[in-house]
């Protein structure tokens, strides 16, 4: 695939995870009222989503190696759509929790396949440039996600938030069916449990992998923890409307976008470790 197609598809695939959180957060206080449940139960829906998203990546990566990037993307996106539909038609909060877990599992393929398709086709500065461009485009989704979610919630109610996720999932699935080309030779031996365990153990022993992962995990974890608490504080306690909450989140994501642009400007001049420091 061309660099442009790889970048656009990579941005869409990578965005599905963060966007599914960003659109959802303004609806959390409303879900407490709609189902007559506790804040803790609705916060659990984010925990389940993140858990499914994180753990399933351990399988999504090997699955894309074993069956191909395209086939794995299609299969996991179908799982994502199932989870989204479960949430749309949820008769109780238990269905919301289950739907969010399934959504997280399905969305896990995005970041995995996006990085893999870049690695399959490009190396060095070109690969870094594409990944950073994906990061810049990725920032746009979470930036407008809370605003779109808040507007949709105010006009159409909480179900519309999950309908938006269904629409996004369908668009992404269609894009993969039409435009995503296979970039690797499938090898089912890569899915052997013994191979997977050995690979993950070797990574956990490698400080070159472990230290950057801990830094990234801490930063992303803090961001997601904030995303869990802010809707209840700003909407429930401060009294902002869902739309106002979404607009306020533009400030935070604007800072993220600025950082991504700055990184793209310096990525060709400064080494990776120096940039991180």
C-alpha atoms as a PDB file:
ATOM      1  CA  UNK A   1       0.000   0.000   0.000  1.00  0.00           C
ATOM      2  CA  UNK A   2       1.076   3.599  -0.478  1.00  0.00           C
ATOM      3  CA  UNK A   3       2.261   5.659   2.455  1.00  0.00           C
ATOM      4  CA  UNK A   4      -0.893   7.795   2.247  1.00  0.00           C
ATOM      5  CA  UNK A   5      -3.270   4.810   2.310  1.00  0.00           C
ATOM      6  CA  UNK A   6      -1.307   3.218   5.138  1.00  0.00           C
ATOM      7  CA  UNK A   7      -1.478   6.456   7.118  1.00  0.00           C
ATOM      8  CA  UNK A   8      -5.220   6.971   6.621  1.00  0.00           C
ATOM      9  CA  UNK A   9      -6.175   3.376   7.402  1.00  0.00           C
ATOM     10  CA  UNK A  10      -3.742   3.306  10.307  1.00  0.00           C
ATOM     11  CA  UNK A  11      -5.271   6.466  11.753  1.00  0.00           C
ATOM     12  CA  UNK A  12      -8.801   5.054  11.496  1.00  0.00           C
ATOM     13  CA  UNK A  13      -7.794   1.733  13.035  1.00  0.00           C
ATOM     14  CA  UNK A  14      -5.843   3.326  15.858  1.00  0.00           C
ATOM     15  CA  UNK A  15      -8.618   5.822  16.583  1.00  0.00           C
ATOM     16  CA  UNK A  16     -11.324   3.255  17.275  1.00  0.00           C
ATOM     17  CA  UNK A  17     -10.104   2.579  20.817  1.00  0.00           C
ATOM     18  CA  UNK A  18      -9.712   6.168  22.078  1.00  0.00           C
ATOM     19  CA  UNK A  19     -12.757   7.446  20.169  1.00  0.00           C
ATOM     20  CA  UNK A  20     -14.949   4.762  21.733  1.00  0.00           C
ATOM     21  CA  UNK A  21     -13.920   6.126  25.116  1.00  0.00           C
ATOM     22  CA  UNK A  22     -14.123   9.816  24.217  1.00  0.00           C
ATOM     23  CA  UNK A  23     -17.641   9.612  22.784  1.00  0.00           C
ATOM     24  CA  UNK A  24     -18.807   7.576  25.768  1.00  0.00           C
ATOM     25  CA  UNK A  25     -17.569   9.661  28.699  1.00  0.00           C
ATOM     26  CA  UNK A  26     -20.200  12.464  28.535  1.00  0.00           C
ATOM     27  CA  UNK A  27     -22.951   9.824  28.759  1.00  0.00           C
ATOM     28  CA  UNK A  28     -21.720   8.216  31.973  1.00  0.00           C
ATOM     29  CA  UNK A  29     -23.677  10.380  34.460  1.00  0.00           C
ATOM     30  CA  UNK A  30     -26.802   9.967  32.310  1.00  0.00           C
ATOM     31  CA  UNK A  31     -26.420   6.176  32.339  1.00  0.00           C
ATOM     32  CA  UNK A  32     -26.447   6.250  36.148  1.00  0.00           C
ATOM     33  CA  UNK A  33     -29.880   7.899  35.996  1.00  0.00           C
ATOM     34  CA  UNK A  34     -31.205   5.832  33.080  1.00  0.00           C
ATOM     35  CA  UNK A  35     -30.523   2.480  34.746  1.00  0.00           C
ATOM     36  CA  UNK A  36     -30.968   3.609  38.350  1.00  0.00           C
ATOM     37  CA  UNK A  37     -27.523   2.297  39.196  1.00  0.00           C
ATOM     38  CA  UNK A  38     -24.434   3.587  40.999  1.00  0.00           C
ATOM     39  CA  UNK A  39     -21.503   5.615  39.715  1.00  0.00           C
ATOM     40  CA  UNK A  40     -19.270   2.674  40.601  1.00  0.00           C
ATOM     41  CA  UNK A  41     -21.168   0.390  38.223  1.00  0.00           C
ATOM     42  CA  UNK A  42     -20.821   2.798  35.306  1.00  0.00           C
ATOM     43  CA  UNK A  43     -17.148   3.404  36.099  1.00  0.00           C
ATOM     44  CA  UNK A  44     -16.756  -0.370  35.972  1.00  0.00           C
ATOM     45  CA  UNK A  45     -17.866  -0.210  32.339  1.00  0.00           C
ATOM     46  CA  UNK A  46     -14.703   1.758  31.554  1.00  0.00           C
ATOM     47  CA  UNK A  47     -12.566  -0.656  33.553  1.00  0.00           C
ATOM     48  CA  UNK A  48     -14.001  -3.585  31.598  1.00  0.00           C
ATOM     49  CA  UNK A  49     -13.500  -1.740  28.319  1.00  0.00           C
ATOM     50  CA  UNK A  50      -9.871  -0.942  29.095  1.00  0.00           C
ATOM     51  CA  UNK A  51      -9.274  -4.469  30.402  1.00  0.00           C
ATOM     52  CA  UNK A  52     -10.672  -6.067  27.264  1.00  0.00           C
ATOM     53  CA  UNK A  53      -8.784  -3.598  25.097  1.00  0.00           C
ATOM     54  CA  UNK A  54      -5.448  -4.241  26.829  1.00  0.00           C
ATOM     55  CA  UNK A  55      -5.581  -8.007  27.319  1.00  0.00           C
ATOM     56  CA  UNK A  56      -7.011  -8.771  23.875  1.00  0.00           C
ATOM     57  CA  UNK A  57      -4.044  -7.043  22.232  1.00  0.00           C
ATOM     58  CA  UNK A  58      -1.949  -9.977  23.429  1.00  0.00           C
ATOM     59  CA  UNK A  59      -4.069 -12.115  21.096  1.00  0.00           C
ATOM     60  CA  UNK A  60      -4.828  -9.590  18.355  1.00  0.00           C
ATOM     61  CA  UNK A  61      -1.169  -9.216  17.414  1.00  0.00           C
ATOM     62  CA  UNK A  62      -0.422 -12.941  17.058  1.00  0.00           C
ATOM     63  CA  UNK A  63      -3.777 -13.416  15.291  1.00  0.00           C
ATOM     64  CA  UNK A  64      -2.797 -10.835  12.676  1.00  0.00           C
ATOM     65  CA  UNK A  65       0.519 -12.675  12.217  1.00  0.00           C
ATOM     66  CA  UNK A  66      -1.204 -16.042  11.933  1.00  0.00           C
ATOM     67  CA  UNK A  67      -4.192 -15.154   9.748  1.00  0.00           C
ATOM     68  CA  UNK A  68      -3.109 -11.900   8.138  1.00  0.00           C
ATOM     69  CA  UNK A  69      -3.633  -8.231   8.969  1.00  0.00           C
ATOM     70  CA  UNK A  70      -6.790  -7.950   6.862  1.00  0.00           C
ATOM     71  CA  UNK A  71      -8.561 -11.056   8.170  1.00  0.00           C
ATOM     72  CA  UNK A  72      -7.765 -10.234  11.799  1.00  0.00           C
ATOM     73  CA  UNK A  73      -9.003  -6.664  11.376  1.00  0.00           C
ATOM     74  CA  UNK A  74     -12.301  -7.801   9.876  1.00  0.00           C
ATOM     75  CA  UNK A  75     -12.882 -10.433  12.575  1.00  0.00           C
ATOM     76  CA  UNK A  76     -12.154  -8.108  15.494  1.00  0.00           C
ATOM     77  CA  UNK A  77     -14.194  -5.260  14.012  1.00  0.00           C
ATOM     78  CA  UNK A  78     -17.173  -7.611  13.783  1.00  0.00           C
ATOM     79  CA  UNK A  79     -16.666  -8.339  17.490  1.00  0.00           C
ATOM     80  CA  UNK A  80     -16.612  -4.585  18.133  1.00  0.00           C
ATOM     81  CA  UNK A  81     -19.901  -4.159  16.274  1.00  0.00           C
ATOM     82  CA  UNK A  82     -21.504  -6.951  18.309  1.00  0.00           C
ATOM     83  CA  UNK A  83     -20.481  -5.195  21.529  1.00  0.00           C
ATOM     84  CA  UNK A  84     -21.791  -1.859  20.257  1.00  0.00           C
ATOM     85  CA  UNK A  85     -25.166  -3.377  19.355  1.00  0.00           C
ATOM     86  CA  UNK A  86     -25.354  -5.046  22.772  1.00  0.00           C
ATOM     87  CA  UNK A  87     -25.003  -1.604  24.349  1.00  0.00           C
ATOM     88  CA  UNK A  88     -27.540   0.028  22.010  1.00  0.00           C
ATOM     89  CA  UNK A  89     -30.243  -2.475  22.946  1.00  0.00           C
ATOM     90  CA  UNK A  90     -29.144  -2.988  26.566  1.00  0.00           C
ATOM     91  CA  UNK A  91     -32.156  -3.673  28.838  1.00  0.00           C
ATOM     92  CA  UNK A  92     -30.036  -3.360  31.985  1.00  0.00           C
ATOM     93  CA  UNK A  93     -26.693  -2.079  33.180  1.00  0.00           C
ATOM     94  CA  UNK A  94     -25.317  -5.624  33.044  1.00  0.00           C
ATOM     95  CA  UNK A  95     -25.707  -5.552  29.277  1.00  0.00           C
ATOM     96  CA  UNK A  96     -23.873  -2.230  29.141  1.00  0.00           C
ATOM     97  CA  UNK A  97     -20.996  -3.765  31.083  1.00  0.00           C
ATOM     98  CA  UNK A  98     -20.901  -6.839  28.848  1.00  0.00           C
ATOM     99  CA  UNK A  99     -21.172  -4.737  25.702  1.00  0.00           C
ATOM    100  CA  UNK A 100     -18.300  -2.490  26.746  1.00  0.00           C
ATOM    101  CA  UNK A 101     -16.114  -5.503  27.476  1.00  0.00           C
ATOM    102  CA  UNK A 102     -16.837  -6.960  24.031  1.00  0.00           C
ATOM    103  CA  UNK A 103     -16.231  -3.551  22.462  1.00  0.00           C
ATOM    104  CA  UNK A 104     -12.823  -3.337  24.105  1.00  0.00           C
ATOM    105  CA  UNK A 105     -11.864  -6.775  22.807  1.00  0.00           C
ATOM    106  CA  UNK A 106     -12.896  -5.831  19.281  1.00  0.00           C
ATOM    107  CA  UNK A 107     -11.202  -2.423  19.348  1.00  0.00           C
ATOM    108  CA  UNK A 108      -7.894  -3.970  20.432  1.00  0.00           C
ATOM    109  CA  UNK A 109      -7.026  -4.901  16.854  1.00  0.00           C
ATOM    110  CA  UNK A 110      -6.779  -1.280  15.738  1.00  0.00           C
ATOM    111  CA  UNK A 111      -3.517  -0.192  17.299  1.00  0.00           C
ATOM    112  CA  UNK A 112      -1.946  -3.611  16.760  1.00  0.00           C
ATOM    113  CA  UNK A 113      -2.649  -3.847  13.035  1.00  0.00           C
ATOM    114  CA  UNK A 114      -1.929  -0.166  12.372  1.00  0.00           C
ATOM    115  CA  UNK A 115       1.589  -0.492  13.760  1.00  0.00           C
ATOM    116  CA  UNK A 116       2.129  -3.856  12.079  1.00  0.00           C
ATOM    117  CA  UNK A 117       1.166  -2.634   8.607  1.00  0.00           C
ATOM    118  CA  UNK A 118       3.597   0.268   8.935  1.00  0.00           C
ATOM    119  CA  UNK A 119       6.364  -2.057  10.135  1.00  0.00           C
ATOM    120  CA  UNK A 120       5.647  -4.529   7.314  1.00  0.00           C
ATOM    121  CA  UNK A 121       6.168  -1.917   4.603  1.00  0.00           C
ATOM    122  CA  UNK A 122       8.407   0.855   5.892  1.00  0.00           C
ATOM    123  CA  UNK A 123      11.589   1.278   7.936  1.00  0.00           C
ATOM    124  CA  UNK A 124      13.618   4.039   9.544  1.00  0.00           C
ATOM    125  CA  UNK A 125      12.597   7.656   9.177  1.00  0.00           C
ATOM    126  CA  UNK A 126       9.718   6.865   6.802  1.00  0.00           C
ATOM    127  CA  UNK A 127       8.142   4.518   9.346  1.00  0.00           C
ATOM    128  CA  UNK A 128       8.596   7.112  12.110  1.00  0.00           C
ATOM    129  CA  UNK A 129       7.069   9.809   9.929  1.00  0.00           C
ATOM    130  CA  UNK A 130       4.000   7.692   9.141  1.00  0.00           C
ATOM    131  CA  UNK A 131       3.508   6.652  12.768  1.00  0.00           C
ATOM    132  CA  UNK A 132       3.735  10.246  13.921  1.00  0.00           C
ATOM    133  CA  UNK A 133       1.275  11.347  11.255  1.00  0.00           C
ATOM    134  CA  UNK A 134      -1.081   8.620  12.483  1.00  0.00           C
ATOM    135  CA  UNK A 135      -0.630  10.052  15.978  1.00  0.00           C
ATOM    136  CA  UNK A 136      -1.525  13.550  14.800  1.00  0.00           C
ATOM    137  CA  UNK A 137      -4.637  12.335  13.005  1.00  0.00           C
ATOM    138  CA  UNK A 138      -5.473  10.161  16.002  1.00  0.00           C
ATOM    139  CA  UNK A 139      -5.591  13.251  18.207  1.00  0.00           C
ATOM    140  CA  UNK A 140      -8.428  14.695  16.136  1.00  0.00           C
ATOM    141  CA  UNK A 141     -10.836  11.862  17.027  1.00  0.00           C
ATOM    142  CA  UNK A 142     -10.541  12.091  20.821  1.00  0.00           C
ATOM    143  CA  UNK A 143     -10.527  15.892  20.493  1.00  0.00           C
ATOM    144  CA  UNK A 144     -13.963  16.062  18.914  1.00  0.00           C
ATOM    145  CA  UNK A 145     -15.279  12.809  20.437  1.00  0.00           C
ATOM    146  CA  UNK A 146     -16.543  14.285  23.743  1.00  0.00           C
ATOM    147  CA  UNK A 147     -18.119  17.198  21.874  1.00  0.00           C
ATOM    148  CA  UNK A 148     -19.916  14.920  19.422  1.00  0.00           C
ATOM    149  CA  UNK A 149     -20.921  12.586  22.232  1.00  0.00           C
ATOM    150  CA  UNK A 150     -22.198  15.469  24.346  1.00  0.00           C
ATOM    151  CA  UNK A 151     -24.223  16.982  21.502  1.00  0.00           C
ATOM    152  CA  UNK A 152     -25.681  13.611  20.562  1.00  0.00           C
ATOM    153  CA  UNK A 153     -26.560  12.885  24.184  1.00  0.00           C
ATOM    154  CA  UNK A 154     -28.280  16.251  24.621  1.00  0.00           C
ATOM    155  CA  UNK A 155     -30.384  15.876  21.468  1.00  0.00           C
ATOM    156  CA  UNK A 156     -31.061  12.148  21.100  1.00  0.00           C
ATOM    157  CA  UNK A 157     -30.325  10.513  24.459  1.00  0.00           C
ATOM    158  CA  UNK A 158     -27.749   7.989  25.654  1.00  0.00           C
ATOM    159  CA  UNK A 159     -28.509   5.309  23.058  1.00  0.00           C
ATOM    160  CA  UNK A 160     -27.307   7.643  20.304  1.00  0.00           C
ATOM    161  CA  UNK A 161     -23.782   7.512  21.739  1.00  0.00           C
ATOM    162  CA  UNK A 162     -23.608   3.788  21.028  1.00  0.00           C
ATOM    163  CA  UNK A 163     -25.295   4.261  17.646  1.00  0.00           C
ATOM    164  CA  UNK A 164     -22.389   6.557  16.737  1.00  0.00           C
ATOM    165  CA  UNK A 165     -19.996   3.749  17.652  1.00  0.00           C
ATOM    166  CA  UNK A 166     -21.947   1.338  15.429  1.00  0.00           C
ATOM    167  CA  UNK A 167     -21.692   3.797  12.530  1.00  0.00           C
ATOM    168  CA  UNK A 168     -17.958   4.285  13.089  1.00  0.00           C
ATOM    169  CA  UNK A 169     -17.455   0.523  13.264  1.00  0.00           C
ATOM    170  CA  UNK A 170     -19.332  -0.006   9.992  1.00  0.00           C
ATOM    171  CA  UNK A 171     -17.304   2.709   8.250  1.00  0.00           C
ATOM    172  CA  UNK A 172     -14.058   1.196   9.485  1.00  0.00           C
ATOM    173  CA  UNK A 173     -15.109  -2.339   8.538  1.00  0.00           C
ATOM    174  CA  UNK A 174     -16.049  -1.178   5.032  1.00  0.00           C
ATOM    175  CA  UNK A 175     -12.715   0.655   4.714  1.00  0.00           C
ATOM    176  CA  UNK A 176     -10.810  -2.504   5.626  1.00  0.00           C
ATOM    177  CA  UNK A 177     -12.845  -4.625   3.202  1.00  0.00           C
ATOM    178  CA  UNK A 178     -12.277  -2.185   0.348  1.00  0.00           C
ATOM    179  CA  UNK A 179      -8.837  -0.703   0.920  1.00  0.00           C
ATOM    180  CA  UNK A 180      -6.754  -2.725   3.390  1.00  0.00           C
ATOM    181  CA  UNK A 181      -4.338  -4.977   1.514  1.00  0.00           C
ATOM    182  CA  UNK A 182      -2.490  -7.870   3.082  1.00  0.00           C
ATOM    183  CA  UNK A 183       1.028  -6.815   4.077  1.00  0.00           C
ATOM    184  CA  UNK A 184       2.386 -10.032   5.587  1.00  0.00           C
ATOM    185  CA  UNK A 185       2.541 -13.740   4.830  1.00  0.00           C
ATOM    186  CA  UNK A 186       0.210 -15.483   7.312  1.00  0.00           C
ATOM    187  CA  UNK A 187       1.954 -18.076   9.472  1.00  0.00           C
ATOM    188  CA  UNK A 188      -0.274 -19.990  11.881  1.00  0.00           C
ATOM    189  CA  UNK A 189       2.712 -21.294  13.806  1.00  0.00           C
ATOM    190  CA  UNK A 190       2.986 -17.815  15.346  1.00  0.00           C
ATOM    191  CA  UNK A 191      -0.199 -18.528  17.285  1.00  0.00           C
ATOM    192  CA  UNK A 192       1.243 -21.497  19.183  1.00  0.00           C
ATOM    193  CA  UNK A 193       0.931 -20.979  22.962  1.00  0.00           C
ATOM    194  CA  UNK A 194       4.548 -21.982  23.566  1.00  0.00           C
ATOM    195  CA  UNK A 195       5.750 -19.412  21.038  1.00  0.00           C
ATOM    196  CA  UNK A 196       3.578 -16.674  22.512  1.00  0.00           C
ATOM    197  CA  UNK A 197       4.665 -17.345  26.089  1.00  0.00           C
ATOM    198  CA  UNK A 198       8.341 -17.391  25.113  1.00  0.00           C
ATOM    199  CA  UNK A 199       7.953 -14.137  23.193  1.00  0.00           C
ATOM    200  CA  UNK A 200       6.208 -12.298  26.017  1.00  0.00           C
ATOM    201  CA  UNK A 201       8.708 -13.544  28.605  1.00  0.00           C
ATOM    202  CA  UNK A 202      11.597 -12.287  26.464  1.00  0.00           C
ATOM    203  CA  UNK A 203       9.931  -8.877  26.170  1.00  0.00           C
ATOM    204  CA  UNK A 204       9.442  -8.623  29.927  1.00  0.00           C
ATOM    205  CA  UNK A 205      13.165  -9.250  30.372  1.00  0.00           C
ATOM    206  CA  UNK A 206      14.177  -6.592  27.824  1.00  0.00           C
ATOM    207  CA  UNK A 207      14.646  -3.167  29.420  1.00  0.00           C
ATOM    208  CA  UNK A 208      14.642  -1.526  25.981  1.00  0.00           C
ATOM    209  CA  UNK A 209      11.005  -2.602  25.729  1.00  0.00           C
ATOM    210  CA  UNK A 210       9.989  -2.514  29.379  1.00  0.00           C
ATOM    211  CA  UNK A 211      11.088   0.995  30.367  1.00  0.00           C
ATOM    212  CA  UNK A 212       9.429   2.870  27.462  1.00  0.00           C
ATOM    213  CA  UNK A 213       6.325   0.728  27.959  1.00  0.00           C
ATOM    214  CA  UNK A 214       6.132   1.698  31.637  1.00  0.00           C
ATOM    215  CA  UNK A 215       6.516   5.381  30.767  1.00  0.00           C
ATOM    216  CA  UNK A 216       3.831   5.167  28.096  1.00  0.00           C
ATOM    217  CA  UNK A 217       1.563   3.062  30.290  1.00  0.00           C
ATOM    218  CA  UNK A 218       1.823   5.529  33.156  1.00  0.00           C
ATOM    219  CA  UNK A 219       0.991   8.483  30.928  1.00  0.00           C
ATOM    220  CA  UNK A 220      -1.930   6.772  29.214  1.00  0.00           C
ATOM    221  CA  UNK A 221      -3.161   5.331  32.520  1.00  0.00           C
ATOM    222  CA  UNK A 222      -3.273   8.790  34.084  1.00  0.00           C
ATOM    223  CA  UNK A 223      -5.153  10.122  31.072  1.00  0.00           C
ATOM    224  CA  UNK A 224      -7.748   7.341  31.213  1.00  0.00           C
ATOM    225  CA  UNK A 225      -8.130   7.637  34.996  1.00  0.00           C
ATOM    226  CA  UNK A 226      -8.881  11.298  34.495  1.00  0.00           C
ATOM    227  CA  UNK A 227     -11.380  10.395  31.779  1.00  0.00           C
ATOM    228  CA  UNK A 228     -13.184   8.114  34.227  1.00  0.00           C
ATOM    229  CA  UNK A 229     -13.556  10.753  36.955  1.00  0.00           C
ATOM    230  CA  UNK A 230     -14.027  14.005  35.033  1.00  0.00           C
ATOM    231  CA  UNK A 231     -17.580  13.410  33.718  1.00  0.00           C
ATOM    232  CA  UNK A 232     -18.931  12.881  37.233  1.00  0.00           C
ATOM    233  CA  UNK A 233     -17.025  15.851  38.650  1.00  0.00           C
ATOM    234  CA  UNK A 234     -17.704  18.370  35.880  1.00  0.00           C
ATOM    235  CA  UNK A 235     -21.210  17.249  34.917  1.00  0.00           C
ATOM    236  CA  UNK A 236     -22.455  15.886  38.237  1.00  0.00           C
ATOM    237  CA  UNK A 237     -20.790  18.243  40.745  1.00  0.00           C
ATOM    238  CA  UNK A 238     -19.840  21.386  38.817  1.00  0.00           C
ATOM    239  CA  UNK A 239     -23.051  21.341  36.777  1.00  0.00           C
ATOM    240  CA  UNK A 240     -21.742  21.477  33.218  1.00  0.00           C
ATOM    241  CA  UNK A 241     -23.992  20.163  30.472  1.00  0.00           C
ATOM    242  CA  UNK A 242     -22.687  17.219  28.394  1.00  0.00           C
ATOM    243  CA  UNK A 243     -22.100  19.635  25.505  1.00  0.00           C
ATOM    244  CA  UNK A 244     -20.098  22.027  27.697  1.00  0.00           C
ATOM    245  CA  UNK A 245     -18.089  19.095  29.011  1.00  0.00           C
ATOM    246  CA  UNK A 246     -17.255  18.009  25.468  1.00  0.00           C
ATOM    247  CA  UNK A 247     -16.158  21.498  24.484  1.00  0.00           C
ATOM    248  CA  UNK A 248     -13.981  21.748  27.582  1.00  0.00           C
ATOM    249  CA  UNK A 249     -12.171  18.549  26.674  1.00  0.00           C
ATOM    250  CA  UNK A 250     -11.000  20.213  23.445  1.00  0.00           C
ATOM    251  CA  UNK A 251      -8.430  22.123  25.512  1.00  0.00           C
ATOM    252  CA  UNK A 252      -6.820  18.949  26.823  1.00  0.00           C
ATOM    253  CA  UNK A 253      -6.719  17.232  23.462  1.00  0.00           C
ATOM    254  CA  UNK A 254      -5.453  20.398  21.810  1.00  0.00           C
ATOM    255  CA  UNK A 255      -2.360  20.094  23.991  1.00  0.00           C
ATOM    256  CA  UNK A 256      -1.964  16.469  22.882  1.00  0.00           C
ATOM    257  CA  UNK A 257      -2.269  17.499  19.230  1.00  0.00           C
ATOM    258  CA  UNK A 258       0.330  20.243  19.698  1.00  0.00           C
ATOM    259  CA  UNK A 259       2.734  17.732  21.222  1.00  0.00           C
ATOM    260  CA  UNK A 260       2.224  15.330  18.318  1.00  0.00           C
ATOM    261  CA  UNK A 261       2.966  18.070  15.800  1.00  0.00           C
ATOM    262  CA  UNK A 262       6.083  19.088  17.729  1.00  0.00           C
ATOM    263  CA  UNK A 263       7.245  15.466  17.788  1.00  0.00           C
ATOM    264  CA  UNK A 264       6.835  15.201  14.035  1.00  0.00           C
ATOM    265  CA  UNK A 265       8.997  18.288  13.565  1.00  0.00           C
ATOM    266  CA  UNK A 266      11.877  16.946  15.672  1.00  0.00           C
ATOM    267  CA  UNK A 267      11.651  13.214  14.873  1.00  0.00           C
ATOM    268  CA  UNK A 268      14.064  13.469  11.967  1.00  0.00           C
ATOM    269  CA  UNK A 269      16.635  15.499  13.904  1.00  0.00           C
ATOM    270  CA  UNK A 270      16.738  13.875  17.358  1.00  0.00           C
ATOM    271  CA  UNK A 271      17.075  10.210  18.285  1.00  0.00           C
ATOM    272  CA  UNK A 272      14.121   8.332  19.778  1.00  0.00           C
ATOM    273  CA  UNK A 273      15.515   7.959  23.338  1.00  0.00           C
ATOM    274  CA  UNK A 274      16.552  11.617  23.445  1.00  0.00           C
ATOM    275  CA  UNK A 275      13.097  12.682  22.292  1.00  0.00           C
ATOM    276  CA  UNK A 276      11.447  10.660  25.071  1.00  0.00           C
ATOM    277  CA  UNK A 277      13.698  12.223  27.724  1.00  0.00           C
END
